Structures are given as C-alpha cells and as structure tokens.
Amino acid sequence: VQLVESGGGLVQAGGSLRLSCAASGRTFSNYVMGWSRQAPGKERLFVATITWRGGSTTYADSVKGRFTISRDNAKNTVYLQMNSLKPDDTAVYYCAASEYGSSLYYWGQGTLVTVSS
C-alpha cells in the first residue's frame, strides 16, 4: 500500500486548504481511510475517517463542522477539505488506511499544515 499526501502549506487563520491522499497498491473497497494529525510535542490523533465502500464518515469534535472528508473512487484519492482554519490546526497531517477488522495501519509520509494567526 502506498499513500501519498499533498496540499499542505501556510494559510492564515480563517482560511481553507484541501489535502489529497493518492492511494495505490491494492483494491481499497474493504478499507477505512482516515486523516490524522500530529502537532509538535503532541500525540498523533485521528481527525476524520471514511469507509471506502459506503462513504460513512466520522469526525473528531475539534474539527466537526469545519473539515470534510471525501473520496473519489475513480481516482483512488481521499480528500480533506479544511475550512475556518485555526492556529491550533497547525500540524503534520497523515493519511492512513486500514482494512476492516485489521489493527494494521498504512501511513503516508505526511504533509505540513501551518495556520498563522
């Protein structure tokens, strides 16, 4: 499994960014995809997940109403639309994939998002 993130960068508070995660290496119909983030000195936490087959989503309370996760089956790509960004959203964002029932996660290399105040 290969996951390649893109779309990070520097944005002012209140702005928007869209992250992309291009997935390859197998068929992902039985996978759950997710975005997690890790700020300096803090643990990595999931912010959003989506099931590849049905598109069911979950969100961390900290991003609910501001972030939207989606997927494009034809492009094998997962997106994270981030609106109303806050300085607290500054982190390295990682794409992750896990097959249903598995405790094994595949991770991308991460993309840095910096939100200035």
PDB file of N, CA and C in Angstrom:
ATOM      1  N   VAL A   1       0.850  -1.190   0.000  1.00  0.00           N
ATOM      2  CA  VAL A   1       0.000   0.000   0.000  1.00  0.00           C
ATOM      3  C   VAL A   1       0.887   1.241   0.000  1.00  0.00           C
ATOM      4  N   GLN A   2       0.535   2.162  -0.892  1.00  0.00           N
ATOM      5  CA  GLN A   2       1.235   3.453  -0.912  1.00  0.00           C
ATOM      6  C   GLN A   2       0.222   4.578  -0.768  1.00  0.00           C
ATOM      7  N   LEU A   3       0.524   5.499   0.110  1.00  0.00           N
ATOM      8  CA  LEU A   3      -0.325   6.658   0.337  1.00  0.00           C
ATOM      9  C   LEU A   3       0.535   7.896   0.186  1.00  0.00           C
ATOM     10  N   VAL A   4       0.138   8.790  -0.699  1.00  0.00           N
ATOM     11  CA  VAL A   4       0.931   9.988  -0.956  1.00  0.00           C
ATOM     12  C   VAL A   4       0.056  11.211  -0.738  1.00  0.00           C
ATOM     13  N   GLU A   5       0.405  11.995   0.285  1.00  0.00           N
ATOM     14  CA  GLU A   5      -0.367  13.193   0.610  1.00  0.00           C
ATOM     15  C   GLU A   5       0.182  14.401  -0.146  1.00  0.00           C
ATOM     16  N   SER A   6      -0.694  15.355  -0.351  1.00  0.00           N
ATOM     17  CA  SER A   6      -0.297  16.640  -0.924  1.00  0.00           C
ATOM     18  C   SER A   6      -1.310  17.685  -0.502  1.00  0.00           C
ATOM     19  N   GLY A   7      -0.942  18.948  -0.684  1.00  0.00           N
ATOM     20  CA  GLY A   7      -1.882  20.027  -0.429  1.00  0.00           C
ATOM     21  C   GLY A   7      -1.619  20.842   0.815  1.00  0.00           C
ATOM     22  N   GLY A   8      -0.637  20.461   1.603  1.00  0.00           N
ATOM     23  CA  GLY A   8      -0.339  21.245   2.793  1.00  0.00           C
ATOM     24  C   GLY A   8       0.297  22.577   2.438  1.00  0.00           C
ATOM     25  N   GLY A   9       0.430  23.428   3.456  1.00  0.00           N
ATOM     26  CA  GLY A   9       1.054  24.726   3.220  1.00  0.00           C
ATOM     27  C   GLY A   9       0.772  25.673   4.345  1.00  0.00           C
ATOM     28  N   LEU A  10       1.040  26.941   4.066  1.00  0.00           N
ATOM     29  CA  LEU A  10       0.837  28.009   5.039  1.00  0.00           C
ATOM     30  C   LEU A  10      -0.430  28.771   4.683  1.00  0.00           C
ATOM     31  N   VAL A  11      -1.277  28.978   5.677  1.00  0.00           N
ATOM     32  CA  VAL A  11      -2.538  29.688   5.449  1.00  0.00           C
ATOM     33  C   VAL A  11      -2.835  30.539   6.672  1.00  0.00           C
ATOM     34  N   GLN A  12      -3.531  31.637   6.456  1.00  0.00           N
ATOM     35  CA  GLN A  12      -3.926  32.479   7.577  1.00  0.00           C
ATOM     36  C   GLN A  12      -5.141  31.899   8.284  1.00  0.00           C
ATOM     37  N   ALA A  13      -5.280  32.243   9.529  1.00  0.00           N
ATOM     38  CA  ALA A  13      -6.455  31.803  10.290  1.00  0.00           C
ATOM     39  C   ALA A  13      -7.721  32.244   9.560  1.00  0.00           C
ATOM     40  N   GLY A  14      -8.691  31.331   9.528  1.00  0.00           N
ATOM     41  CA  GLY A  14      -9.927  31.595   8.809  1.00  0.00           C
ATOM     42  C   GLY A  14      -9.905  31.113   7.367  1.00  0.00           C
ATOM     43  N   GLY A  15      -8.731  30.744   6.889  1.00  0.00           N
ATOM     44  CA  GLY A  15      -8.595  30.287   5.507  1.00  0.00           C
ATOM     45  C   GLY A  15      -8.922  28.822   5.335  1.00  0.00           C
ATOM     46  N   SER A  16      -8.701  28.343   4.113  1.00  0.00           N
ATOM     47  CA  SER A  16      -9.034  26.969   3.755  1.00  0.00           C
ATOM     48  C   SER A  16      -7.878  26.300   3.027  1.00  0.00           C
ATOM     49  N   LEU A  17      -7.822  24.989   3.171  1.00  0.00           N
ATOM     50  CA  LEU A  17      -6.892  24.154   2.416  1.00  0.00           C
ATOM     51  C   LEU A  17      -7.588  22.840   2.096  1.00  0.00           C
ATOM     52  N   ARG A  18      -7.168  22.204   1.011  1.00  0.00           N
ATOM     53  CA  ARG A  18      -7.655  20.869   0.707  1.00  0.00           C
ATOM     54  C   ARG A  18      -6.464  19.932   0.577  1.00  0.00           C
ATOM     55  N   LEU A  19      -6.457  18.907   1.401  1.00  0.00           N
ATOM     56  CA  LEU A  19      -5.425  17.884   1.339  1.00  0.00           C
ATOM     57  C   LEU A  19      -5.908  16.733   0.468  1.00  0.00           C
ATOM     58  N   SER A  20      -4.975  16.123  -0.236  1.00  0.00           N
ATOM     59  CA  SER A  20      -5.275  14.957  -1.062  1.00  0.00           C
ATOM     60  C   SER A  20      -4.389  13.797  -0.647  1.00  0.00           C
ATOM     61  N   CYS A  21      -4.922  12.603  -0.787  1.00  0.00           N
ATOM     62  CA  CYS A  21      -4.175  11.387  -0.486  1.00  0.00           C
ATOM     63  C   CYS A  21      -4.404  10.411  -1.635  1.00  0.00           C
ATOM     64  N   ALA A  22      -3.387  10.199  -2.429  1.00  0.00           N
ATOM     65  CA  ALA A  22      -3.476   9.253  -3.536  1.00  0.00           C
ATOM     66  C   ALA A  22      -3.078   7.872  -3.041  1.00  0.00           C
ATOM     67  N   ALA A  23      -3.990   6.925  -3.170  1.00  0.00           N
ATOM     68  CA  ALA A  23      -3.767   5.577  -2.656  1.00  0.00           C
ATOM     69  C   ALA A  23      -3.525   4.599  -3.801  1.00  0.00           C
ATOM     70  N   SER A  24      -2.593   3.689  -3.607  1.00  0.00           N
ATOM     71  CA  SER A  24      -2.306   2.692  -4.634  1.00  0.00           C
ATOM     72  C   SER A  24      -1.772   1.424  -3.992  1.00  0.00           C
ATOM     73  N   GLY A  25      -1.730   0.381  -4.744  1.00  0.00           N
ATOM     74  CA  GLY A  25      -1.126  -0.852  -4.271  1.00  0.00           C
ATOM     75  C   GLY A  25      -2.090  -1.999  -4.063  1.00  0.00           C
ATOM     76  N   ARG A  26      -3.366  -1.695  -3.976  1.00  0.00           N
ATOM     77  CA  ARG A  26      -4.365  -2.747  -3.845  1.00  0.00           C
ATOM     78  C   ARG A  26      -5.750  -2.161  -4.022  1.00  0.00           C
ATOM     79  N   THR A  27      -6.737  -3.020  -3.967  1.00  0.00           N
ATOM     80  CA  THR A  27      -8.131  -2.578  -4.024  1.00  0.00           C
ATOM     81  C   THR A  27      -8.564  -2.167  -2.631  1.00  0.00           C
ATOM     82  N   PHE A  28      -9.138  -0.983  -2.517  1.00  0.00           N
ATOM     83  CA  PHE A  28      -9.424  -0.435  -1.198  1.00  0.00           C
ATOM     84  C   PHE A  28     -10.886  -0.546  -0.785  1.00  0.00           C
ATOM     85  N   SER A  29     -11.673  -1.331  -1.494  1.00  0.00           N
ATOM     86  CA  SER A  29     -13.102  -1.381  -1.213  1.00  0.00           C
ATOM     87  C   SER A  29     -13.401  -1.866   0.211  1.00  0.00           C
ATOM     88  N   ASN A  30     -12.515  -2.621   0.817  1.00  0.00           N
ATOM     89  CA  ASN A  30     -12.712  -3.116   2.179  1.00  0.00           C
ATOM     90  C   ASN A  30     -11.877  -2.344   3.201  1.00  0.00           C
ATOM     91  N   TYR A  31     -11.545  -1.141   2.863  1.00  0.00           N
ATOM     92  CA  TYR A  31     -10.699  -0.334   3.727  1.00  0.00           C
ATOM     93  C   TYR A  31     -11.449   0.845   4.329  1.00  0.00           C
ATOM     94  N   VAL A  32     -10.960   1.262   5.474  1.00  0.00           N
ATOM     95  CA  VAL A  32     -11.326   2.539   6.072  1.00  0.00           C
ATOM     96  C   VAL A  32     -10.134   3.474   5.870  1.00  0.00           C
ATOM     97  N   MET A  33     -10.404   4.654   5.373  1.00  0.00           N
ATOM     98  CA  MET A  33      -9.364   5.650   5.150  1.00  0.00           C
ATOM     99  C   MET A  33      -9.521   6.758   6.176  1.00  0.00           C
ATOM    100  N   GLY A  34      -8.421   7.376   6.526  1.00  0.00           N
ATOM    101  CA  GLY A  34      -8.529   8.433   7.518  1.00  0.00           C
ATOM    102  C   GLY A  34      -7.430   9.459   7.411  1.00  0.00           C
ATOM    103  N   TRP A  35      -7.675  10.574   8.067  1.00  0.00           N
ATOM    104  CA  TRP A  35      -6.666  11.614   8.224  1.00  0.00           C
ATOM    105  C   TRP A  35      -6.393  11.777   9.713  1.00  0.00           C
ATOM    106  N   SER A  36      -5.143  11.814  10.059  1.00  0.00           N
ATOM    107  CA  SER A  36      -4.748  12.098  11.425  1.00  0.00           C
ATOM    108  C   SER A  36      -3.759  13.252  11.404  1.00  0.00           C
ATOM    109  N   ARG A  37      -3.509  13.831  12.548  1.00  0.00           N
ATOM    110  CA  ARG A  37      -2.556  14.933  12.603  1.00  0.00           C
ATOM    111  C   ARG A  37      -1.730  14.841  13.869  1.00  0.00           C
ATOM    112  N   GLN A  38      -0.548  15.407  13.773  1.00  0.00           N
ATOM    113  CA  GLN A  38       0.353  15.425  14.919  1.00  0.00           C
ATOM    114  C   GLN A  38       1.013  16.786  15.005  1.00  0.00           C
ATOM    115  N   ALA A  39       0.714  17.477  16.082  1.00  0.00           N
ATOM    116  CA  ALA A  39       1.334  18.769  16.352  1.00  0.00           C
ATOM    117  C   ALA A  39       2.626  18.540  17.128  1.00  0.00           C
ATOM    118  N   PRO A  40       3.559  19.497  17.089  1.00  0.00           N
ATOM    119  CA  PRO A  40       4.821  19.332  17.811  1.00  0.00           C
ATOM    120  C   PRO A  40       4.606  19.024  19.283  1.00  0.00           C
ATOM    121  N   GLY A  41       5.232  17.950  19.761  1.00  0.00           N
ATOM    122  CA  GLY A  41       5.140  17.593  21.165  1.00  0.00           C
ATOM    123  C   GLY A  41       3.850  16.927  21.571  1.00  0.00           C
ATOM    124  N   LYS A  42       2.989  16.635  20.611  1.00  0.00           N
ATOM    125  CA  LYS A  42       1.697  16.019  20.933  1.00  0.00           C
ATOM    126  C   LYS A  42       1.565  14.677  20.212  1.00  0.00           C
ATOM    127  N   GLU A  43       0.615  13.889  20.666  1.00  0.00           N
ATOM    128  CA  GLU A  43       0.403  12.584  20.049  1.00  0.00           C
ATOM    129  C   GLU A  43      -0.385  12.732  18.746  1.00  0.00           C
ATOM    130  N   ARG A  44      -0.254  11.712  17.902  1.00  0.00           N
ATOM    131  CA  ARG A  44      -0.992  11.689  16.648  1.00  0.00           C
ATOM    132  C   ARG A  44      -2.428  11.268  16.929  1.00  0.00           C
ATOM    133  N   LEU A  45      -3.379  12.030  16.419  1.00  0.00           N
ATOM    134  CA  LEU A  45      -4.793  11.759  16.645  1.00  0.00           C
ATOM    135  C   LEU A  45      -5.543  11.797  15.320  1.00  0.00           C
ATOM    136  N   PHE A  46      -6.518  10.909  15.203  1.00  0.00           N
ATOM    137  CA  PHE A  46      -7.352  10.935  14.006  1.00  0.00           C
ATOM    138  C   PHE A  46      -8.303  12.133  14.069  1.00  0.00           C
ATOM    139  N   VAL A  47      -8.504  12.780  12.918  1.00  0.00           N
ATOM    140  CA  VAL A  47      -9.466  13.874  12.835  1.00  0.00           C
ATOM    141  C   VAL A  47     -10.672  13.504  11.980  1.00  0.00           C
ATOM    142  N   ALA A  48     -10.519  12.568  11.058  1.00  0.00           N
ATOM    143  CA  ALA A  48     -11.638  12.179  10.208  1.00  0.00           C
ATOM    144  C   ALA A  48     -11.358  10.813   9.588  1.00  0.00           C
ATOM    145  N   THR A  49     -12.445  10.037   9.405  1.00  0.00           N
ATOM    146  CA  THR A  49     -12.332   8.750   8.718  1.00  0.00           C
ATOM    147  C   THR A  49     -13.485   8.599   7.741  1.00  0.00           C
ATOM    148  N   ILE A  50     -13.285   7.732   6.751  1.00  0.00           N
ATOM    149  CA  ILE A  50     -14.329   7.448   5.778  1.00  0.00           C
ATOM    150  C   ILE A  50     -14.182   6.009   5.312  1.00  0.00           C
ATOM    151  N   THR A  51     -15.322   5.318   5.183  1.00  0.00           N
ATOM    152  CA  THR A  51     -15.270   3.970   4.643  1.00  0.00           C
ATOM    153  C   THR A  51     -15.249   4.066   3.127  1.00  0.00           C
ATOM    154  N   TRP A  52     -14.380   3.270   2.516  1.00  0.00           N
ATOM    155  CA  TRP A  52     -14.223   3.403   1.068  1.00  0.00           C
ATOM    156  C   TRP A  52     -15.489   2.968   0.340  1.00  0.00           C
ATOM    157  N   ARG A  53     -16.128   1.917   0.837  1.00  0.00           N
ATOM    158  CA  ARG A  53     -17.268   1.363   0.110  1.00  0.00           C
ATOM    159  C   ARG A  53     -18.523   2.211   0.276  1.00  0.00           C
ATOM    160  N   GLY A  54     -18.902   2.501   1.494  1.00  0.00           N
ATOM    161  CA  GLY A  54     -20.176   3.196   1.713  1.00  0.00           C
ATOM    162  C   GLY A  54     -20.054   4.692   1.916  1.00  0.00           C
ATOM    163  N   GLY A  55     -18.834   5.158   2.172  1.00  0.00           N
ATOM    164  CA  GLY A  55     -18.636   6.582   2.383  1.00  0.00           C
ATOM    165  C   GLY A  55     -19.089   7.089   3.731  1.00  0.00           C
ATOM    166  N   SER A  56     -19.234   6.211   4.721  1.00  0.00           N
ATOM    167  CA  SER A  56     -19.601   6.664   6.062  1.00  0.00           C
ATOM    168  C   SER A  56     -18.429   7.414   6.686  1.00  0.00           C
ATOM    169  N   THR A  57     -18.742   8.513   7.364  1.00  0.00           N
ATOM    170  CA  THR A  57     -17.690   9.373   7.890  1.00  0.00           C
ATOM    171  C   THR A  57     -17.793   9.536   9.404  1.00  0.00           C
ATOM    172  N   THR A  58     -16.651   9.824  10.022  1.00  0.00           N
ATOM    173  CA  THR A  58     -16.596  10.216  11.423  1.00  0.00           C
ATOM    174  C   THR A  58     -15.626  11.387  11.530  1.00  0.00           C
ATOM    175  N   TYR A  59     -15.846  12.213  12.549  1.00  0.00           N
ATOM    176  CA  TYR A  59     -15.001  13.387  12.755  1.00  0.00           C
ATOM    177  C   TYR A  59     -14.688  13.558  14.233  1.00  0.00           C
ATOM    178  N   ALA A  60     -13.489  14.055  14.504  1.00  0.00           N
ATOM    179  CA  ALA A  60     -13.171  14.467  15.861  1.00  0.00           C
ATOM    180  C   ALA A  60     -13.968  15.727  16.183  1.00  0.00           C
ATOM    181  N   ASP A  61     -14.314  15.887  17.441  1.00  0.00           N
ATOM    182  CA  ASP A  61     -15.111  17.051  17.838  1.00  0.00           C
ATOM    183  C   ASP A  61     -14.412  18.360  17.475  1.00  0.00           C
ATOM    184  N   SER A  62     -13.101  18.358  17.526  1.00  0.00           N
ATOM    185  CA  SER A  62     -12.339  19.581  17.286  1.00  0.00           C
ATOM    186  C   SER A  62     -12.449  20.097  15.851  1.00  0.00           C
ATOM    187  N   VAL A  63     -12.866  19.242  14.920  1.00  0.00           N
ATOM    188  CA  VAL A  63     -12.934  19.661  13.519  1.00  0.00           C
ATOM    189  C   VAL A  63     -14.337  19.562  12.939  1.00  0.00           C
ATOM    190  N   LYS A  64     -15.269  19.058  13.726  1.00  0.00           N
ATOM    191  CA  LYS A  64     -16.627  18.865  13.239  1.00  0.00           C
ATOM    192  C   LYS A  64     -17.207  20.196  12.780  1.00  0.00           C
ATOM    193  N   GLY A  65     -17.812  20.180  11.596  1.00  0.00           N
ATOM    194  CA  GLY A  65     -18.403  21.402  11.059  1.00  0.00           C
ATOM    195  C   GLY A  65     -17.429  22.254  10.268  1.00  0.00           C
ATOM    196  N   ARG A  66     -16.130  21.957  10.375  1.00  0.00           N
ATOM    197  CA  ARG A  66     -15.125  22.740   9.635  1.00  0.00           C
ATOM    198  C   ARG A  66     -14.400  21.896   8.584  1.00  0.00           C
ATOM    199  N   PHE A  67     -14.193  20.623   8.881  1.00  0.00           N
ATOM    200  CA  PHE A  67     -13.480  19.731   7.972  1.00  0.00           C
ATOM    201  C   PHE A  67     -14.452  18.757   7.332  1.00  0.00           C
ATOM    202  N   THR A  68     -14.174  18.386   6.090  1.00  0.00           N
ATOM    203  CA  THR A  68     -14.978  17.397   5.386  1.00  0.00           C
ATOM    204  C   THR A  68     -14.056  16.393   4.699  1.00  0.00           C
ATOM    205  N   ILE A  69     -14.270  15.128   4.991  1.00  0.00           N
ATOM    206  CA  ILE A  69     -13.508  14.075   4.333  1.00  0.00           C
ATOM    207  C   ILE A  69     -14.365  13.486   3.211  1.00  0.00           C
ATOM    208  N   SER A  70     -13.719  13.178   2.093  1.00  0.00           N
ATOM    209  CA  SER A  70     -14.444  12.589   0.968  1.00  0.00           C
ATOM    210  C   SER A  70     -13.489  11.701   0.183  1.00  0.00           C
ATOM    211  N   ARG A  71     -14.048  10.921  -0.741  1.00  0.00           N
ATOM    212  CA  ARG A  71     -13.180  10.083  -1.570  1.00  0.00           C
ATOM    213  C   ARG A  71     -13.705  10.052  -2.987  1.00  0.00           C
ATOM    214  N   ASP A  72     -12.782   9.856  -3.908  1.00  0.00           N
ATOM    215  CA  ASP A  72     -13.095   9.720  -5.328  1.00  0.00           C
ATOM    216  C   ASP A  72     -12.657   8.316  -5.730  1.00  0.00           C
ATOM    217  N   ASN A  73     -13.628   7.437  -5.890  1.00  0.00           N
ATOM    218  CA  ASN A  73     -13.302   6.045  -6.176  1.00  0.00           C
ATOM    219  C   ASN A  73     -12.537   5.900  -7.490  1.00  0.00           C
ATOM    220  N   ALA A  74     -12.908   6.679  -8.479  1.00  0.00           N
ATOM    221  CA  ALA A  74     -12.271   6.551  -9.790  1.00  0.00           C
ATOM    222  C   ALA A  74     -10.805   6.945  -9.741  1.00  0.00           C
ATOM    223  N   LYS A  75     -10.475   7.901  -8.872  1.00  0.00           N
ATOM    224  CA  LYS A  75      -9.096   8.376  -8.783  1.00  0.00           C
ATOM    225  C   LYS A  75      -8.331   7.730  -7.630  1.00  0.00           C
ATOM    226  N   ASN A  76      -9.017   6.870  -6.855  1.00  0.00           N
ATOM    227  CA  ASN A  76      -8.373   6.264  -5.674  1.00  0.00           C
ATOM    228  C   ASN A  76      -7.745   7.334  -4.783  1.00  0.00           C
ATOM    229  N   THR A  77      -8.487   8.373  -4.552  1.00  0.00           N
ATOM    230  CA  THR A  77      -7.974   9.517  -3.800  1.00  0.00           C
ATOM    231  C   THR A  77      -8.952   9.903  -2.700  1.00  0.00           C
ATOM    232  N   VAL A  78      -8.391  10.223  -1.549  1.00  0.00           N
ATOM    233  CA  VAL A  78      -9.163  10.700  -0.407  1.00  0.00           C
ATOM    234  C   VAL A  78      -8.782  12.155  -0.167  1.00  0.00           C
ATOM    235  N   TYR A  79      -9.770  12.954   0.173  1.00  0.00           N
ATOM    236  CA  TYR A  79      -9.555  14.385   0.369  1.00  0.00           C
ATOM    237  C   TYR A  79      -9.931  14.796   1.792  1.00  0.00           C
ATOM    238  N   LEU A  80      -9.319  15.880   2.236  1.00  0.00           N
ATOM    239  CA  LEU A  80      -9.732  16.512   3.477  1.00  0.00           C
ATOM    240  C   LEU A  80      -9.847  18.005   3.193  1.00  0.00           C
ATOM    241  N   GLN A  81     -11.080  18.475   3.110  1.00  0.00           N
ATOM    242  CA  GLN A  81     -11.338  19.897   2.935  1.00  0.00           C
ATOM    243  C   GLN A  81     -11.367  20.547   4.306  1.00  0.00           C
ATOM    244  N   MET A  82     -10.510  21.521   4.500  1.00  0.00           N
ATOM    245  CA  MET A  82     -10.390  22.166   5.803  1.00  0.00           C
ATOM    246  C   MET A  82     -10.754  23.632   5.661  1.00  0.00           C
ATOM    247  N   ASN A  83     -11.814  24.034   6.333  1.00  0.00           N
ATOM    248  CA  ASN A  83     -12.279  25.418   6.305  1.00  0.00           C
ATOM    249  C   ASN A  83     -12.165  26.035   7.689  1.00  0.00           C
ATOM    250  N   SER A  84     -12.243  27.341   7.739  1.00  0.00           N
ATOM    251  CA  SER A  84     -12.190  28.078   9.015  1.00  0.00           C
ATOM    252  C   SER A  84     -11.013  27.611   9.861  1.00  0.00           C
ATOM    253  N   LEU A  85      -9.873  27.539   9.247  1.00  0.00           N
ATOM    254  CA  LEU A  85      -8.697  27.011   9.940  1.00  0.00           C
ATOM    255  C   LEU A  85      -8.267  27.902  11.090  1.00  0.00           C
ATOM    256  N   LYS A  86      -7.754  27.257  12.128  1.00  0.00           N
ATOM    257  CA  LYS A  86      -7.310  27.935  13.336  1.00  0.00           C
ATOM    258  C   LYS A  86      -5.822  27.622  13.558  1.00  0.00           C
ATOM    259  N   PRO A  87      -5.135  28.477  14.300  1.00  0.00           N
ATOM    260  CA  PRO A  87      -3.738  28.159  14.613  1.00  0.00           C
ATOM    261  C   PRO A  87      -3.578  26.792  15.275  1.00  0.00           C
ATOM    262  N   ASP A  88      -4.553  26.365  16.049  1.00  0.00           N
ATOM    263  CA  ASP A  88      -4.490  25.052  16.692  1.00  0.00           C
ATOM    264  C   ASP A  88      -4.542  23.892  15.703  1.00  0.00           C
ATOM    265  N   ASP A  89      -4.915  24.170  14.457  1.00  0.00           N
ATOM    266  CA  ASP A  89      -4.923  23.118  13.432  1.00  0.00           C
ATOM    267  C   ASP A  89      -3.533  22.878  12.851  1.00  0.00           C
ATOM    268  N   THR A  90      -2.568  23.690  13.236  1.00  0.00           N
ATOM    269  CA  THR A  90      -1.203  23.513  12.752  1.00  0.00           C
ATOM    270  C   THR A  90      -0.664  22.151  13.180  1.00  0.00           C
ATOM    271  N   ALA A  91      -0.226  21.365  12.198  1.00  0.00           N
ATOM    272  CA  ALA A  91       0.254  20.009  12.470  1.00  0.00           C
ATOM    273  C   ALA A  91       0.748  19.389  11.167  1.00  0.00           C
ATOM    274  N   VAL A  92       1.395  18.252  11.301  1.00  0.00           N
ATOM    275  CA  VAL A  92       1.645  17.404  10.144  1.00  0.00           C
ATOM    276  C   VAL A  92       0.431  16.487  10.002  1.00  0.00           C
ATOM    277  N   TYR A  93      -0.143  16.476   8.830  1.00  0.00           N
ATOM    278  CA  TYR A  93      -1.332  15.670   8.558  1.00  0.00           C
ATOM    279  C   TYR A  93      -0.935  14.415   7.794  1.00  0.00           C
ATOM    280  N   TYR A  94      -1.415  13.288   8.293  1.00  0.00           N
ATOM    281  CA  TYR A  94      -1.082  11.991   7.717  1.00  0.00           C
ATOM    282  C   TYR A  94      -2.348  11.302   7.202  1.00  0.00           C
ATOM    283  N   CYS A  95      -2.222  10.727   6.042  1.00  0.00           N
ATOM    284  CA  CYS A  95      -3.266   9.856   5.512  1.00  0.00           C
ATOM    285  C   CYS A  95      -3.014   8.444   6.024  1.00  0.00           C
ATOM    286  N   ALA A  96      -4.088   7.714   6.311  1.00  0.00           N
ATOM    287  CA  ALA A  96      -3.957   6.348   6.821  1.00  0.00           C
ATOM    288  C   ALA A  96      -4.983   5.442   6.167  1.00  0.00           C
ATOM    289  N   ALA A  97      -4.645   4.170   6.096  1.00  0.00           N
ATOM    290  CA  ALA A  97      -5.556   3.167   5.537  1.00  0.00           C
ATOM    291  C   ALA A  97      -5.483   1.909   6.381  1.00  0.00           C
ATOM    292  N   SER A  98      -6.644   1.312   6.600  1.00  0.00           N
ATOM    293  CA  SER A  98      -6.688   0.077   7.370  1.00  0.00           C
ATOM    294  C   SER A  98      -7.814  -0.793   6.848  1.00  0.00           C
ATOM    295  N   GLU A  99      -7.536  -2.071   6.681  1.00  0.00           N
ATOM    296  CA  GLU A  99      -8.569  -2.979   6.215  1.00  0.00           C
ATOM    297  C   GLU A  99      -9.520  -3.287   7.359  1.00  0.00           C
ATOM    298  N   TYR A 100     -10.787  -3.481   7.045  1.00  0.00           N
ATOM    299  CA  TYR A 100     -11.783  -3.811   8.067  1.00  0.00           C
ATOM    300  C   TYR A 100     -11.300  -4.979   8.928  1.00  0.00           C
ATOM    301  N   GLY A 101     -11.389  -4.819  10.231  1.00  0.00           N
ATOM    302  CA  GLY A 101     -11.037  -5.892  11.148  1.00  0.00           C
ATOM    303  C   GLY A 101      -9.558  -6.033  11.413  1.00  0.00           C
ATOM    304  N   SER A 102      -8.759  -5.196  10.794  1.00  0.00           N
ATOM    305  CA  SER A 102      -7.313  -5.281  10.982  1.00  0.00           C
ATOM    306  C   SER A 102      -6.841  -4.182  11.917  1.00  0.00           C
ATOM    307  N   SER A 103      -5.805  -4.469  12.673  1.00  0.00           N
ATOM    308  CA  SER A 103      -5.190  -3.453  13.526  1.00  0.00           C
ATOM    309  C   SER A 103      -3.973  -2.834  12.852  1.00  0.00           C
ATOM    310  N   LEU A 104      -3.734  -3.232  11.620  1.00  0.00           N
ATOM    311  CA  LEU A 104      -2.578  -2.713  10.878  1.00  0.00           C
ATOM    312  C   LEU A 104      -2.982  -1.464  10.110  1.00  0.00           C
ATOM    313  N   TYR A 105      -2.207  -0.415  10.287  1.00  0.00           N
ATOM    314  CA  TYR A 105      -2.439   0.822   9.561  1.00  0.00           C
ATOM    315  C   TYR A 105      -1.280   1.073   8.602  1.00  0.00           C
ATOM    316  N   TYR A 106      -1.617   1.541   7.420  1.00  0.00           N
ATOM    317  CA  TYR A 106      -0.628   2.056   6.486  1.00  0.00           C
ATOM    318  C   TYR A 106      -0.675   3.574   6.570  1.00  0.00           C
ATOM    319  N   TRP A 107       0.512   4.187   6.503  1.00  0.00           N
ATOM    320  CA  TRP A 107       0.596   5.639   6.658  1.00  0.00           C
ATOM    321  C   TRP A 107       1.308   6.275   5.476  1.00  0.00           C
ATOM    322  N   GLY A 108       0.882   7.501   5.155  1.00  0.00           N
ATOM    323  CA  GLY A 108       1.624   8.296   4.205  1.00  0.00           C
ATOM    324  C   GLY A 108       2.774   8.994   4.896  1.00  0.00           C
ATOM    325  N   GLN A 109       3.480   9.808   4.137  1.00  0.00           N
ATOM    326  CA  GLN A 109       4.676  10.472   4.673  1.00  0.00           C
ATOM    327  C   GLN A 109       4.322  11.757   5.427  1.00  0.00           C
ATOM    328  N   GLY A 110       3.112  12.241   5.259  1.00  0.00           N
ATOM    329  CA  GLY A 110       2.671  13.439   5.965  1.00  0.00           C
ATOM    330  C   GLY A 110       2.853  14.702   5.145  1.00  0.00           C
ATOM    331  N   THR A 111       2.000  15.674   5.428  1.00  0.00           N
ATOM    332  CA  THR A 111       2.101  16.986   4.790  1.00  0.00           C
ATOM    333  C   THR A 111       1.859  18.039   5.869  1.00  0.00           C
ATOM    334  N   LEU A 112       2.677  19.066   5.879  1.00  0.00           N
ATOM    335  CA  LEU A 112       2.633  20.066   6.933  1.00  0.00           C
ATOM    336  C   LEU A 112       1.607  21.143   6.619  1.00  0.00           C
ATOM    337  N   VAL A 113       0.759  21.401   7.608  1.00  0.00           N
ATOM    338  CA  VAL A 113      -0.199  22.499   7.540  1.00  0.00           C
ATOM    339  C   VAL A 113       0.151  23.487   8.648  1.00  0.00           C
ATOM    340  N   THR A 114       0.366  24.724   8.265  1.00  0.00           N
ATOM    341  CA  THR A 114       0.680  25.780   9.231  1.00  0.00           C
ATOM    342  C   THR A 114      -0.358  26.878   9.102  1.00  0.00           C
ATOM    343  N   VAL A 115      -1.010  27.181  10.217  1.00  0.00           N
ATOM    344  CA  VAL A 115      -2.037  28.217  10.232  1.00  0.00           C
ATOM    345  C   VAL A 115      -1.521  29.379  11.075  1.00  0.00           C
ATOM    346  N   SER A 116      -1.364  30.518  10.445  1.00  0.00           N
ATOM    347  CA  SER A 116      -0.846  31.687  11.148  1.00  0.00           C
ATOM    348  C   SER A 116      -1.999  32.529  11.696  1.00  0.00           C
ATOM    349  N   SER A 117      -1.729  33.180  12.821  1.00  0.00           N
ATOM    350  CA  SER A 117      -2.785  33.992  13.456  1.00  0.00           C
ATOM    351  C   SER A 117      -2.753  35.427  12.960  1.00  0.00           C
TER     352      SER A 117
END
